[in-house]
Amino acid sequence: MSLSLTLVFDKFRRALDNDPIYASNRLKFEGDALRLSEALKPVALPLTAGVEWLSEDQGLKLFKTDPYDDDLTFVSAGLLAPRLQDAAQGAWGRAVLAFVQTLPADTRVVLWWD
């Protein structure tokens, strides 16, 4: 199984840490996910409230861990952008980077490793 990363954006800018982030806004990042994982682990913060993810077979479900059973974490868009720049590969990776760079720097971005 290879490591990949989906970015979940806190569009609604939840004010409280006990409100889960609704995963309606997400992008799959294409690039060097292993390198990015090593760069993000030191700056990632725990996401205690989790993410509400809508799936066709299960409906709306709350997740507090990723498919590897690791606790979910997040970083701000301001911290994420320079790290994505170092790991982005191909047109899609650069497009995701461009999107993250235009977000307010304090936007929370959940790191969904799968």
PDB file of N, CA and C in Angstrom:
ATOM      1  N   MET A   1       0.840  -1.174   0.000  1.00  0.00           N
ATOM      2  CA  MET A   1       0.000   0.000   0.000  1.00  0.00           C
ATOM      3  C   MET A   1       0.891   1.246   0.000  1.00  0.00           C
ATOM      4  N   SER A   2       0.673   2.134  -0.938  1.00  0.00           N
ATOM      5  CA  SER A   2       1.472   3.356  -0.986  1.00  0.00           C
ATOM      6  C   SER A   2       0.757   4.477  -0.239  1.00  0.00           C
ATOM      7  N   LEU A   3       1.518   5.392   0.283  1.00  0.00           N
ATOM      8  CA  LEU A   3       0.993   6.497   1.053  1.00  0.00           C
ATOM      9  C   LEU A   3       0.499   7.599   0.125  1.00  0.00           C
ATOM     10  N   SER A   4      -0.702   8.095   0.378  1.00  0.00           N
ATOM     11  CA  SER A   4      -1.209   9.246  -0.364  1.00  0.00           C
ATOM     12  C   SER A   4      -1.891  10.185   0.629  1.00  0.00           C
ATOM     13  N   LEU A   5      -2.193  11.392   0.165  1.00  0.00           N
ATOM     14  CA  LEU A   5      -2.726  12.422   1.044  1.00  0.00           C
ATOM     15  C   LEU A   5      -3.922  13.116   0.403  1.00  0.00           C
ATOM     16  N   THR A   6      -5.000  13.192   1.158  1.00  0.00           N
ATOM     17  CA  THR A   6      -6.145  14.011   0.793  1.00  0.00           C
ATOM     18  C   THR A   6      -6.194  15.166   1.780  1.00  0.00           C
ATOM     19  N   LEU A   7      -6.353  16.373   1.251  1.00  0.00           N
ATOM     20  CA  LEU A   7      -6.437  17.568   2.081  1.00  0.00           C
ATOM     21  C   LEU A   7      -7.902  17.923   2.259  1.00  0.00           C
ATOM     22  N   VAL A   8      -8.327  18.103   3.495  1.00  0.00           N
ATOM     23  CA  VAL A   8      -9.705  18.465   3.823  1.00  0.00           C
ATOM     24  C   VAL A   8      -9.679  19.886   4.374  1.00  0.00           C
ATOM     25  N   PHE A   9     -10.407  20.785   3.730  1.00  0.00           N
ATOM     26  CA  PHE A   9     -10.343  22.208   4.064  1.00  0.00           C
ATOM     27  C   PHE A   9     -11.504  22.622   4.960  1.00  0.00           C
ATOM     28  N   ASP A  10     -11.190  23.360   6.006  1.00  0.00           N
ATOM     29  CA  ASP A  10     -12.192  23.859   6.937  1.00  0.00           C
ATOM     30  C   ASP A  10     -12.783  25.150   6.378  1.00  0.00           C
ATOM     31  N   LYS A  11     -13.599  25.010   5.359  1.00  0.00           N
ATOM     32  CA  LYS A  11     -14.202  26.162   4.673  1.00  0.00           C
ATOM     33  C   LYS A  11     -15.053  27.007   5.612  1.00  0.00           C
ATOM     34  N   PHE A  12     -15.736  26.357   6.530  1.00  0.00           N
ATOM     35  CA  PHE A  12     -16.650  27.063   7.410  1.00  0.00           C
ATOM     36  C   PHE A  12     -15.956  27.637   8.639  1.00  0.00           C
ATOM     37  N   ARG A  13     -14.653  27.405   8.727  1.00  0.00           N
ATOM     38  CA  ARG A  13     -13.803  27.974   9.774  1.00  0.00           C
ATOM     39  C   ARG A  13     -14.424  27.793  11.151  1.00  0.00           C
ATOM     40  N   ARG A  14     -14.565  26.569  11.527  1.00  0.00           N
ATOM     41  CA  ARG A  14     -15.150  26.225  12.825  1.00  0.00           C
ATOM     42  C   ARG A  14     -14.427  26.977  13.934  1.00  0.00           C
ATOM     43  N   ALA A  15     -15.180  27.649  14.747  1.00  0.00           N
ATOM     44  CA  ALA A  15     -14.591  28.452  15.821  1.00  0.00           C
ATOM     45  C   ALA A  15     -14.202  27.599  17.016  1.00  0.00           C
ATOM     46  N   LEU A  16     -14.881  26.504  17.197  1.00  0.00           N
ATOM     47  CA  LEU A  16     -14.636  25.681  18.375  1.00  0.00           C
ATOM     48  C   LEU A  16     -13.936  24.390  17.997  1.00  0.00           C
ATOM     49  N   ASP A  17     -13.003  23.974  18.829  1.00  0.00           N
ATOM     50  CA  ASP A  17     -12.291  22.727  18.562  1.00  0.00           C
ATOM     51  C   ASP A  17     -13.183  21.507  18.734  1.00  0.00           C
ATOM     52  N   ASN A  18     -14.336  21.664  19.406  1.00  0.00           N
ATOM     53  CA  ASN A  18     -15.201  20.503  19.607  1.00  0.00           C
ATOM     54  C   ASN A  18     -16.203  20.322  18.466  1.00  0.00           C
ATOM     55  N   ASP A  19     -16.138  21.159  17.434  1.00  0.00           N
ATOM     56  CA  ASP A  19     -16.971  20.997  16.243  1.00  0.00           C
ATOM     57  C   ASP A  19     -16.175  20.248  15.179  1.00  0.00           C
ATOM     58  N   PRO A  20     -16.698  19.105  14.716  1.00  0.00           N
ATOM     59  CA  PRO A  20     -15.972  18.406  13.647  1.00  0.00           C
ATOM     60  C   PRO A  20     -15.989  19.215  12.355  1.00  0.00           C
ATOM     61  N   ILE A  21     -15.000  18.986  11.536  1.00  0.00           N
ATOM     62  CA  ILE A  21     -14.917  19.636  10.226  1.00  0.00           C
ATOM     63  C   ILE A  21     -15.693  18.782   9.238  1.00  0.00           C
ATOM     64  N   TYR A  22     -16.560  19.420   8.484  1.00  0.00           N
ATOM     65  CA  TYR A  22     -17.321  18.710   7.458  1.00  0.00           C
ATOM     66  C   TYR A  22     -16.458  18.603   6.208  1.00  0.00           C
ATOM     67  N   ALA A  23     -16.205  17.391   5.773  1.00  0.00           N
ATOM     68  CA  ALA A  23     -15.259  17.125   4.686  1.00  0.00           C
ATOM     69  C   ALA A  23     -15.895  17.289   3.312  1.00  0.00           C
ATOM     70  N   SER A  24     -16.585  18.396   3.097  1.00  0.00           N
ATOM     71  CA  SER A  24     -17.187  18.638   1.783  1.00  0.00           C
ATOM     72  C   SER A  24     -16.186  19.234   0.808  1.00  0.00           C
ATOM     73  N   ASN A  25     -15.127  19.799   1.318  1.00  0.00           N
ATOM     74  CA  ASN A  25     -14.112  20.458   0.497  1.00  0.00           C
ATOM     75  C   ASN A  25     -12.790  19.729   0.674  1.00  0.00           C
ATOM     76  N   ARG A  26     -12.465  18.910  -0.314  1.00  0.00           N
ATOM     77  CA  ARG A  26     -11.235  18.116  -0.203  1.00  0.00           C
ATOM     78  C   ARG A  26     -10.609  17.929  -1.573  1.00  0.00           C
ATOM     79  N   LEU A  27      -9.294  17.821  -1.549  1.00  0.00           N
ATOM     80  CA  LEU A  27      -8.518  17.604  -2.772  1.00  0.00           C
ATOM     81  C   LEU A  27      -7.475  16.532  -2.515  1.00  0.00           C
ATOM     82  N   LYS A  28      -7.298  15.681  -3.482  1.00  0.00           N
ATOM     83  CA  LYS A  28      -6.240  14.667  -3.419  1.00  0.00           C
ATOM     84  C   LYS A  28      -4.952  15.320  -3.899  1.00  0.00           C
ATOM     85  N   PHE A  29      -3.899  15.217  -3.099  1.00  0.00           N
ATOM     86  CA  PHE A  29      -2.611  15.790  -3.466  1.00  0.00           C
ATOM     87  C   PHE A  29      -1.801  14.757  -4.206  1.00  0.00           C
ATOM     88  N   GLU A  30      -1.216  15.154  -5.331  1.00  0.00           N
ATOM     89  CA  GLU A  30      -0.330  14.270  -6.078  1.00  0.00           C
ATOM     90  C   GLU A  30       1.079  14.797  -5.963  1.00  0.00           C
ATOM     91  N   GLY A  31       1.920  13.982  -5.390  1.00  0.00           N
ATOM     92  CA  GLY A  31       3.310  14.364  -5.192  1.00  0.00           C
ATOM     93  C   GLY A  31       3.982  13.346  -4.292  1.00  0.00           C
ATOM     94  N   ASP A  32       5.082  13.740  -3.733  1.00  0.00           N
ATOM     95  CA  ASP A  32       5.871  12.866  -2.876  1.00  0.00           C
ATOM     96  C   ASP A  32       5.269  12.864  -1.471  1.00  0.00           C
ATOM     97  N   ALA A  33       4.283  11.981  -1.241  1.00  0.00           N
ATOM     98  CA  ALA A  33       3.553  11.958   0.026  1.00  0.00           C
ATOM     99  C   ALA A  33       4.439  11.552   1.194  1.00  0.00           C
ATOM    100  N   LEU A  34       5.376  10.654   0.969  1.00  0.00           N
ATOM    101  CA  LEU A  34       6.255  10.232   2.054  1.00  0.00           C
ATOM    102  C   LEU A  34       7.124  11.407   2.516  1.00  0.00           C
ATOM    103  N   ARG A  35       7.690  12.128   1.583  1.00  0.00           N
ATOM    104  CA  ARG A  35       8.496  13.314   1.917  1.00  0.00           C
ATOM    105  C   ARG A  35       7.633  14.363   2.623  1.00  0.00           C
ATOM    106  N   LEU A  36       6.418  14.540   2.134  1.00  0.00           N
ATOM    107  CA  LEU A  36       5.505  15.499   2.733  1.00  0.00           C
ATOM    108  C   LEU A  36       5.115  15.075   4.144  1.00  0.00           C
ATOM    109  N   SER A  37       4.897  13.809   4.356  1.00  0.00           N
ATOM    110  CA  SER A  37       4.572  13.298   5.687  1.00  0.00           C
ATOM    111  C   SER A  37       5.678  13.643   6.682  1.00  0.00           C
ATOM    112  N   GLU A  38       6.906  13.435   6.280  1.00  0.00           N
ATOM    113  CA  GLU A  38       8.046  13.750   7.155  1.00  0.00           C
ATOM    114  C   GLU A  38       8.136  15.243   7.441  1.00  0.00           C
ATOM    115  N   ALA A  39       7.771  16.079   6.479  1.00  0.00           N
ATOM    116  CA  ALA A  39       7.827  17.539   6.654  1.00  0.00           C
ATOM    117  C   ALA A  39       6.669  18.063   7.500  1.00  0.00           C
ATOM    118  N   LEU A  40       5.526  17.371   7.482  1.00  0.00           N
ATOM    119  CA  LEU A  40       4.344  17.872   8.179  1.00  0.00           C
ATOM    120  C   LEU A  40       4.210  17.365   9.608  1.00  0.00           C
ATOM    121  N   LYS A  41       4.741  16.210   9.904  1.00  0.00           N
ATOM    122  CA  LYS A  41       4.569  15.639  11.244  1.00  0.00           C
ATOM    123  C   LYS A  41       5.019  16.581  12.361  1.00  0.00           C
ATOM    124  N   PRO A  42       6.138  17.284  12.225  1.00  0.00           N
ATOM    125  CA  PRO A  42       6.562  18.166  13.329  1.00  0.00           C
ATOM    126  C   PRO A  42       5.653  19.380  13.555  1.00  0.00           C
ATOM    127  N   VAL A  43       4.881  19.788  12.563  1.00  0.00           N
ATOM    128  CA  VAL A  43       4.052  20.990  12.711  1.00  0.00           C
ATOM    129  C   VAL A  43       2.554  20.687  12.792  1.00  0.00           C
ATOM    130  N   ALA A  44       2.160  19.445  12.574  1.00  0.00           N
ATOM    131  CA  ALA A  44       0.741  19.075  12.598  1.00  0.00           C
ATOM    132  C   ALA A  44       0.217  19.047  14.032  1.00  0.00           C
ATOM    133  N   LEU A  45      -1.028  19.496  14.175  1.00  0.00           N
ATOM    134  CA  LEU A  45      -1.705  19.536  15.474  1.00  0.00           C
ATOM    135  C   LEU A  45      -2.839  18.523  15.490  1.00  0.00           C
ATOM    136  N   PRO A  46      -3.172  17.984  16.671  1.00  0.00           N
ATOM    137  CA  PRO A  46      -4.264  17.005  16.731  1.00  0.00           C
ATOM    138  C   PRO A  46      -5.617  17.651  16.435  1.00  0.00           C
ATOM    139  N   LEU A  47      -6.469  16.906  15.771  1.00  0.00           N
ATOM    140  CA  LEU A  47      -7.831  17.348  15.478  1.00  0.00           C
ATOM    141  C   LEU A  47      -8.766  16.492  16.322  1.00  0.00           C
ATOM    142  N   THR A  48      -9.009  16.914  17.543  1.00  0.00           N
ATOM    143  CA  THR A  48      -9.743  16.086  18.494  1.00  0.00           C
ATOM    144  C   THR A  48     -11.203  15.872  18.114  1.00  0.00           C
ATOM    145  N   ALA A  49     -11.833  16.853  17.458  1.00  0.00           N
ATOM    146  CA  ALA A  49     -13.252  16.731  17.117  1.00  0.00           C
ATOM    147  C   ALA A  49     -13.489  15.841  15.904  1.00  0.00           C
ATOM    148  N   GLY A  50     -12.481  15.650  15.079  1.00  0.00           N
ATOM    149  CA  GLY A  50     -12.612  14.775  13.926  1.00  0.00           C
ATOM    150  C   GLY A  50     -13.181  15.441  12.690  1.00  0.00           C
ATOM    151  N   VAL A  51     -13.498  14.587  11.715  1.00  0.00           N
ATOM    152  CA  VAL A  51     -14.008  15.016  10.416  1.00  0.00           C
ATOM    153  C   VAL A  51     -15.278  14.239  10.123  1.00  0.00           C
ATOM    154  N   GLU A  52     -16.306  14.947   9.658  1.00  0.00           N
ATOM    155  CA  GLU A  52     -17.518  14.295   9.188  1.00  0.00           C
ATOM    156  C   GLU A  52     -17.381  14.100   7.684  1.00  0.00           C
ATOM    157  N   TRP A  53     -17.401  12.850   7.253  1.00  0.00           N
ATOM    158  CA  TRP A  53     -17.147  12.493   5.858  1.00  0.00           C
ATOM    159  C   TRP A  53     -18.397  11.818   5.301  1.00  0.00           C
ATOM    160  N   LEU A  54     -18.855  12.282   4.162  1.00  0.00           N
ATOM    161  CA  LEU A  54     -20.030  11.702   3.522  1.00  0.00           C
ATOM    162  C   LEU A  54     -19.587  10.639   2.526  1.00  0.00           C
ATOM    163  N   SER A  55     -20.110   9.431   2.699  1.00  0.00           N
ATOM    164  CA  SER A  55     -19.817   8.364   1.744  1.00  0.00           C
ATOM    165  C   SER A  55     -21.140   7.779   1.257  1.00  0.00           C
ATOM    166  N   GLU A  56     -21.118   7.249   0.043  1.00  0.00           N
ATOM    167  CA  GLU A  56     -22.337   6.713  -0.556  1.00  0.00           C
ATOM    168  C   GLU A  56     -22.897   5.529   0.219  1.00  0.00           C
ATOM    169  N   ASP A  57     -22.021   4.680   0.741  1.00  0.00           N
ATOM    170  CA  ASP A  57     -22.503   3.472   1.397  1.00  0.00           C
ATOM    171  C   ASP A  57     -22.798   3.641   2.886  1.00  0.00           C
ATOM    172  N   GLN A  58     -22.181   4.623   3.555  1.00  0.00           N
ATOM    173  CA  GLN A  58     -22.382   4.772   4.999  1.00  0.00           C
ATOM    174  C   GLN A  58     -23.057   6.081   5.396  1.00  0.00           C
ATOM    175  N   GLY A  59     -23.280   6.975   4.457  1.00  0.00           N
ATOM    176  CA  GLY A  59     -23.849   8.269   4.798  1.00  0.00           C
ATOM    177  C   GLY A  59     -22.810   9.146   5.488  1.00  0.00           C
ATOM    178  N   LEU A  60     -23.259  10.040   6.352  1.00  0.00           N
ATOM    179  CA  LEU A  60     -22.360  10.938   7.074  1.00  0.00           C
ATOM    180  C   LEU A  60     -21.779  10.200   8.267  1.00  0.00           C
ATOM    181  N   LYS A  61     -20.460  10.122   8.319  1.00  0.00           N
ATOM    182  CA  LYS A  61     -19.793   9.372   9.385  1.00  0.00           C
ATOM    183  C   LYS A  61     -18.679  10.220   9.971  1.00  0.00           C
ATOM    184  N   LEU A  62     -18.558  10.184  11.288  1.00  0.00           N
ATOM    185  CA  LEU A  62     -17.507  10.914  11.995  1.00  0.00           C
ATOM    186  C   LEU A  62     -16.253  10.050  12.087  1.00  0.00           C
ATOM    187  N   PHE A  63     -15.125  10.620  11.649  1.00  0.00           N
ATOM    188  CA  PHE A  63     -13.834   9.941  11.756  1.00  0.00           C
ATOM    189  C   PHE A  63     -12.918  10.746  12.667  1.00  0.00           C
ATOM    190  N   LYS A  64     -12.231  10.047  13.536  1.00  0.00           N
ATOM    191  CA  LYS A  64     -11.220  10.690  14.376  1.00  0.00           C
ATOM    192  C   LYS A  64      -9.831  10.133  14.079  1.00  0.00           C
ATOM    193  N   THR A  65      -9.798   9.092  13.244  1.00  0.00           N
ATOM    194  CA  THR A  65      -8.535   8.495  12.820  1.00  0.00           C
ATOM    195  C   THR A  65      -8.574   8.306  11.310  1.00  0.00           C
ATOM    196  N   ASP A  66      -7.392   8.173  10.724  1.00  0.00           N
ATOM    197  CA  ASP A  66      -7.302   7.919   9.286  1.00  0.00           C
ATOM    198  C   ASP A  66      -7.359   6.415   9.025  1.00  0.00           C
ATOM    199  N   PRO A  67      -7.299   5.970   7.780  1.00  0.00           N
ATOM    200  CA  PRO A  67      -7.355   4.535   7.500  1.00  0.00           C
ATOM    201  C   PRO A  67      -6.213   3.722   8.127  1.00  0.00           C
ATOM    202  N   TYR A  68      -5.138   4.388   8.538  1.00  0.00           N
ATOM    203  CA  TYR A  68      -4.038   3.708   9.225  1.00  0.00           C
ATOM    204  C   TYR A  68      -4.277   3.644  10.727  1.00  0.00           C
ATOM    205  N   ASP A  69      -5.419   4.163  11.179  1.00  0.00           N
ATOM    206  CA  ASP A  69      -5.800   4.237  12.590  1.00  0.00           C
ATOM    207  C   ASP A  69      -4.931   5.212  13.390  1.00  0.00           C
ATOM    208  N   ASP A  70      -4.334   6.173  12.693  1.00  0.00           N
ATOM    209  CA  ASP A  70      -3.604   7.251  13.354  1.00  0.00           C
ATOM    210  C   ASP A  70      -4.569   8.405  13.594  1.00  0.00           C
ATOM    211  N   ASP A  71      -4.415   9.093  14.716  1.00  0.00           N
ATOM    212  CA  ASP A  71      -5.264  10.236  15.010  1.00  0.00           C
ATOM    213  C   ASP A  71      -5.154  11.277  13.909  1.00  0.00           C
ATOM    214  N   LEU A  72      -6.286  11.916  13.581  1.00  0.00           N
ATOM    215  CA  LEU A  72      -6.283  12.964  12.565  1.00  0.00           C
ATOM    216  C   LEU A  72      -5.551  14.195  13.079  1.00  0.00           C
ATOM    217  N   THR A  73      -4.888  14.866  12.150  1.00  0.00           N
ATOM    218  CA  THR A  73      -4.167  16.087  12.469  1.00  0.00           C
ATOM    219  C   THR A  73      -4.491  17.145  11.421  1.00  0.00           C
ATOM    220  N   PHE A  74      -4.090  18.381  11.723  1.00  0.00           N
ATOM    221  CA  PHE A  74      -4.285  19.467  10.777  1.00  0.00           C
ATOM    222  C   PHE A  74      -3.108  20.423  10.851  1.00  0.00           C
ATOM    223  N   VAL A  75      -2.984  21.230   9.823  1.00  0.00           N
ATOM    224  CA  VAL A  75      -2.017  22.326   9.783  1.00  0.00           C
ATOM    225  C   VAL A  75      -2.735  23.534   9.185  1.00  0.00           C
ATOM    226  N   SER A  76      -2.158  24.691   9.374  1.00  0.00           N
ATOM    227  CA  SER A  76      -2.720  25.880   8.737  1.00  0.00           C
ATOM    228  C   SER A  76      -2.271  25.901   7.280  1.00  0.00           C
ATOM    229  N   ALA A  77      -3.057  26.564   6.454  1.00  0.00           N
ATOM    230  CA  ALA A  77      -2.697  26.696   5.037  1.00  0.00           C
ATOM    231  C   ALA A  77      -1.353  27.408   4.895  1.00  0.00           C
ATOM    232  N   GLY A  78      -1.077  28.363   5.787  1.00  0.00           N
ATOM    233  CA  GLY A  78       0.194  29.085   5.739  1.00  0.00           C
ATOM    234  C   GLY A  78       1.397  28.193   5.982  1.00  0.00           C
ATOM    235  N   LEU A  79       1.257  27.203   6.854  1.00  0.00           N
ATOM    236  CA  LEU A  79       2.349  26.250   7.092  1.00  0.00           C
ATOM    237  C   LEU A  79       2.404  25.176   6.014  1.00  0.00           C
ATOM    238  N   LEU A  80       1.257  24.849   5.459  1.00  0.00           N
ATOM    239  CA  LEU A  80       1.181  23.772   4.470  1.00  0.00           C
ATOM    240  C   LEU A  80       1.769  24.167   3.121  1.00  0.00           C
ATOM    241  N   ALA A  81       1.495  25.372   2.661  1.00  0.00           N
ATOM    242  CA  ALA A  81       1.876  25.786   1.303  1.00  0.00           C
ATOM    243  C   ALA A  81       3.363  25.589   0.993  1.00  0.00           C
ATOM    244  N   PRO A  82       4.296  26.057   1.832  1.00  0.00           N
ATOM    245  CA  PRO A  82       5.706  25.865   1.462  1.00  0.00           C
ATOM    246  C   PRO A  82       6.128  24.397   1.452  1.00  0.00           C
ATOM    247  N   ARG A  83       5.492  23.591   2.270  1.00  0.00           N
ATOM    248  CA  ARG A  83       5.822  22.164   2.290  1.00  0.00           C
ATOM    249  C   ARG A  83       5.267  21.452   1.055  1.00  0.00           C
ATOM    250  N   LEU A  84       4.084  21.890   0.608  1.00  0.00           N
ATOM    251  CA  LEU A  84       3.538  21.330  -0.631  1.00  0.00           C
ATOM    252  C   LEU A  84       4.424  21.689  -1.816  1.00  0.00           C
ATOM    253  N   GLN A  85       4.959  22.882  -1.796  1.00  0.00           N
ATOM    254  CA  GLN A  85       5.809  23.336  -2.902  1.00  0.00           C
ATOM    255  C   GLN A  85       7.000  22.408  -3.091  1.00  0.00           C
ATOM    256  N   ASP A  86       7.562  21.949  -1.983  1.00  0.00           N
ATOM    257  CA  ASP A  86       8.718  21.049  -2.055  1.00  0.00           C
ATOM    258  C   ASP A  86       8.347  19.649  -2.532  1.00  0.00           C
ATOM    259  N   ALA A  87       7.076  19.258  -2.363  1.00  0.00           N
ATOM    260  CA  ALA A  87       6.668  17.887  -2.679  1.00  0.00           C
ATOM    261  C   ALA A  87       5.787  17.768  -3.919  1.00  0.00           C
ATOM    262  N   ALA A  88       5.276  18.886  -4.435  1.00  0.00           N
ATOM    263  CA  ALA A  88       4.341  18.836  -5.573  1.00  0.00           C
ATOM    264  C   ALA A  88       5.007  18.252  -6.807  1.00  0.00           C
ATOM    265  N   GLN A  89       4.256  17.388  -7.480  1.00  0.00           N
ATOM    266  CA  GLN A  89       4.726  16.790  -8.726  1.00  0.00           C
ATOM    267  C   GLN A  89       3.604  16.869  -9.745  1.00  0.00           C
ATOM    268  N   GLY A  90       3.921  17.236 -10.961  1.00  0.00           N
ATOM    269  CA  GLY A  90       2.943  17.260 -12.038  1.00  0.00           C
ATOM    270  C   GLY A  90       1.984  18.434 -11.929  1.00  0.00           C
ATOM    271  N   ALA A  91       1.150  18.549 -12.938  1.00  0.00           N
ATOM    272  CA  ALA A  91       0.212  19.662 -13.036  1.00  0.00           C
ATOM    273  C   ALA A  91      -0.806  19.651 -11.892  1.00  0.00           C
ATOM    274  N   TRP A  92      -1.304  18.476 -11.524  1.00  0.00           N
ATOM    275  CA  TRP A  92      -2.302  18.405 -10.458  1.00  0.00           C
ATOM    276  C   TRP A  92      -1.701  18.834  -9.116  1.00  0.00           C
ATOM    277  N   GLY A  93      -0.523  18.367  -8.799  1.00  0.00           N
ATOM    278  CA  GLY A  93       0.128  18.759  -7.550  1.00  0.00           C
ATOM    279  C   GLY A  93       0.355  20.264  -7.481  1.00  0.00           C
ATOM    280  N   ARG A  94       0.770  20.856  -8.600  1.00  0.00           N
ATOM    281  CA  ARG A  94       0.984  22.314  -8.635  1.00  0.00           C
ATOM    282  C   ARG A  94      -0.343  23.070  -8.545  1.00  0.00           C
ATOM    283  N   ALA A  95      -1.421  22.503  -9.096  1.00  0.00           N
ATOM    284  CA  ALA A  95      -2.736  23.142  -9.009  1.00  0.00           C
ATOM    285  C   ALA A  95      -3.243  23.143  -7.563  1.00  0.00           C
ATOM    286  N   VAL A  96      -3.060  22.032  -6.855  1.00  0.00           N
ATOM    287  CA  VAL A  96      -3.450  21.968  -5.449  1.00  0.00           C
ATOM    288  C   VAL A  96      -2.626  22.979  -4.645  1.00  0.00           C
ATOM    289  N   LEU A  97      -1.335  23.068  -4.931  1.00  0.00           N
ATOM    290  CA  LEU A  97      -0.477  24.052  -4.271  1.00  0.00           C
ATOM    291  C   LEU A  97      -0.997  25.466  -4.511  1.00  0.00           C
ATOM    292  N   ALA A  98      -1.350  25.796  -5.747  1.00  0.00           N
ATOM    293  CA  ALA A  98      -1.854  27.139  -6.074  1.00  0.00           C
ATOM    294  C   ALA A  98      -3.132  27.435  -5.292  1.00  0.00           C
ATOM    295  N   PHE A  99      -3.998  26.449  -5.160  1.00  0.00           N
ATOM    296  CA  PHE A  99      -5.227  26.631  -4.393  1.00  0.00           C
ATOM    297  C   PHE A  99      -4.909  26.925  -2.925  1.00  0.00           C
ATOM    298  N   VAL A 100      -4.033  26.121  -2.327  1.00  0.00           N
ATOM    299  CA  VAL A 100      -3.688  26.303  -0.915  1.00  0.00           C
ATOM    300  C   VAL A 100      -3.045  27.668  -0.687  1.00  0.00           C
ATOM    301  N   GLN A 101      -2.234  28.124  -1.622  1.00  0.00           N
ATOM    302  CA  GLN A 101      -1.573  29.419  -1.486  1.00  0.00           C
ATOM    303  C   GLN A 101      -2.565  30.582  -1.471  1.00  0.00           C
ATOM    304  N   THR A 102      -3.741  30.415  -2.063  1.00  0.00           N
ATOM    305  CA  THR A 102      -4.717  31.498  -2.093  1.00  0.00           C
ATOM    306  C   THR A 102      -5.645  31.509  -0.878  1.00  0.00           C
ATOM    307  N   LEU A 103      -5.591  30.488  -0.061  1.00  0.00           N
ATOM    308  CA  LEU A 103      -6.434  30.437   1.138  1.00  0.00           C
ATOM    309  C   LEU A 103      -5.914  31.396   2.208  1.00  0.00           C
ATOM    310  N   PRO A 104      -6.795  31.858   3.106  1.00  0.00           N
ATOM    311  CA  PRO A 104      -6.292  32.600   4.264  1.00  0.00           C
ATOM    312  C   PRO A 104      -5.288  31.730   5.020  1.00  0.00           C
ATOM    313  N   ALA A 105      -4.209  32.323   5.466  1.00  0.00           N
ATOM    314  CA  ALA A 105      -3.107  31.562   6.083  1.00  0.00           C
ATOM    315  C   ALA A 105      -3.538  30.759   7.305  1.00  0.00           C
ATOM    316  N   ASP A 106      -4.594  31.200   7.995  1.00  0.00           N
ATOM    317  CA  ASP A 106      -5.009  30.491   9.205  1.00  0.00           C
ATOM    318  C   ASP A 106      -6.072  29.414   8.952  1.00  0.00           C
ATOM    319  N   THR A 107      -6.403  29.136   7.702  1.00  0.00           N
ATOM    320  CA  THR A 107      -7.372  28.081   7.373  1.00  0.00           C
ATOM    321  C   THR A 107      -6.834  26.732   7.807  1.00  0.00           C
ATOM    322  N   ARG A 108      -7.641  25.994   8.551  1.00  0.00           N
ATOM    323  CA  ARG A 108      -7.214  24.655   8.960  1.00  0.00           C
ATOM    324  C   ARG A 108      -7.369  23.684   7.797  1.00  0.00           C
ATOM    325  N   VAL A 109      -6.355  22.850   7.615  1.00  0.00           N
ATOM    326  CA  VAL A 109      -6.369  21.832   6.573  1.00  0.00           C
ATOM    327  C   VAL A 109      -6.072  20.492   7.232  1.00  0.00           C
ATOM    328  N   VAL A 110      -7.052  19.607   7.188  1.00  0.00           N
ATOM    329  CA  VAL A 110      -6.896  18.275   7.791  1.00  0.00           C
ATOM    330  C   VAL A 110      -6.072  17.412   6.848  1.00  0.00           C
ATOM    331  N   LEU A 111      -5.171  16.649   7.432  1.00  0.00           N
ATOM    332  CA  LEU A 111      -4.309  15.738   6.681  1.00  0.00           C
ATOM    333  C   LEU A 111      -4.885  14.326   6.770  1.00  0.00           C
ATOM    334  N   TRP A 112      -5.468  13.871   5.678  1.00  0.00           N
ATOM    335  CA  TRP A 112      -6.078  12.532   5.632  1.00  0.00           C
ATOM    336  C   TRP A 112      -5.126  11.635   4.852  1.00  0.00           C
ATOM    337  N   TRP A 113      -4.321  10.873   5.602  1.00  0.00           N
ATOM    338  CA  TRP A 113      -3.350   9.961   4.991  1.00  0.00           C
ATOM    339  C   TRP A 113      -4.054   8.652   4.678  1.00  0.00           C
ATOM    340  N   ASP A 114      -3.884   8.185   3.452  1.00  0.00           N
ATOM    341  CA  ASP A 114      -4.475   6.882   3.096  1.00  0.00           C
ATOM    342  C   ASP A 114      -3.603   6.162   2.098  1.00  0.00           C
TER     343      ASP A 114
END
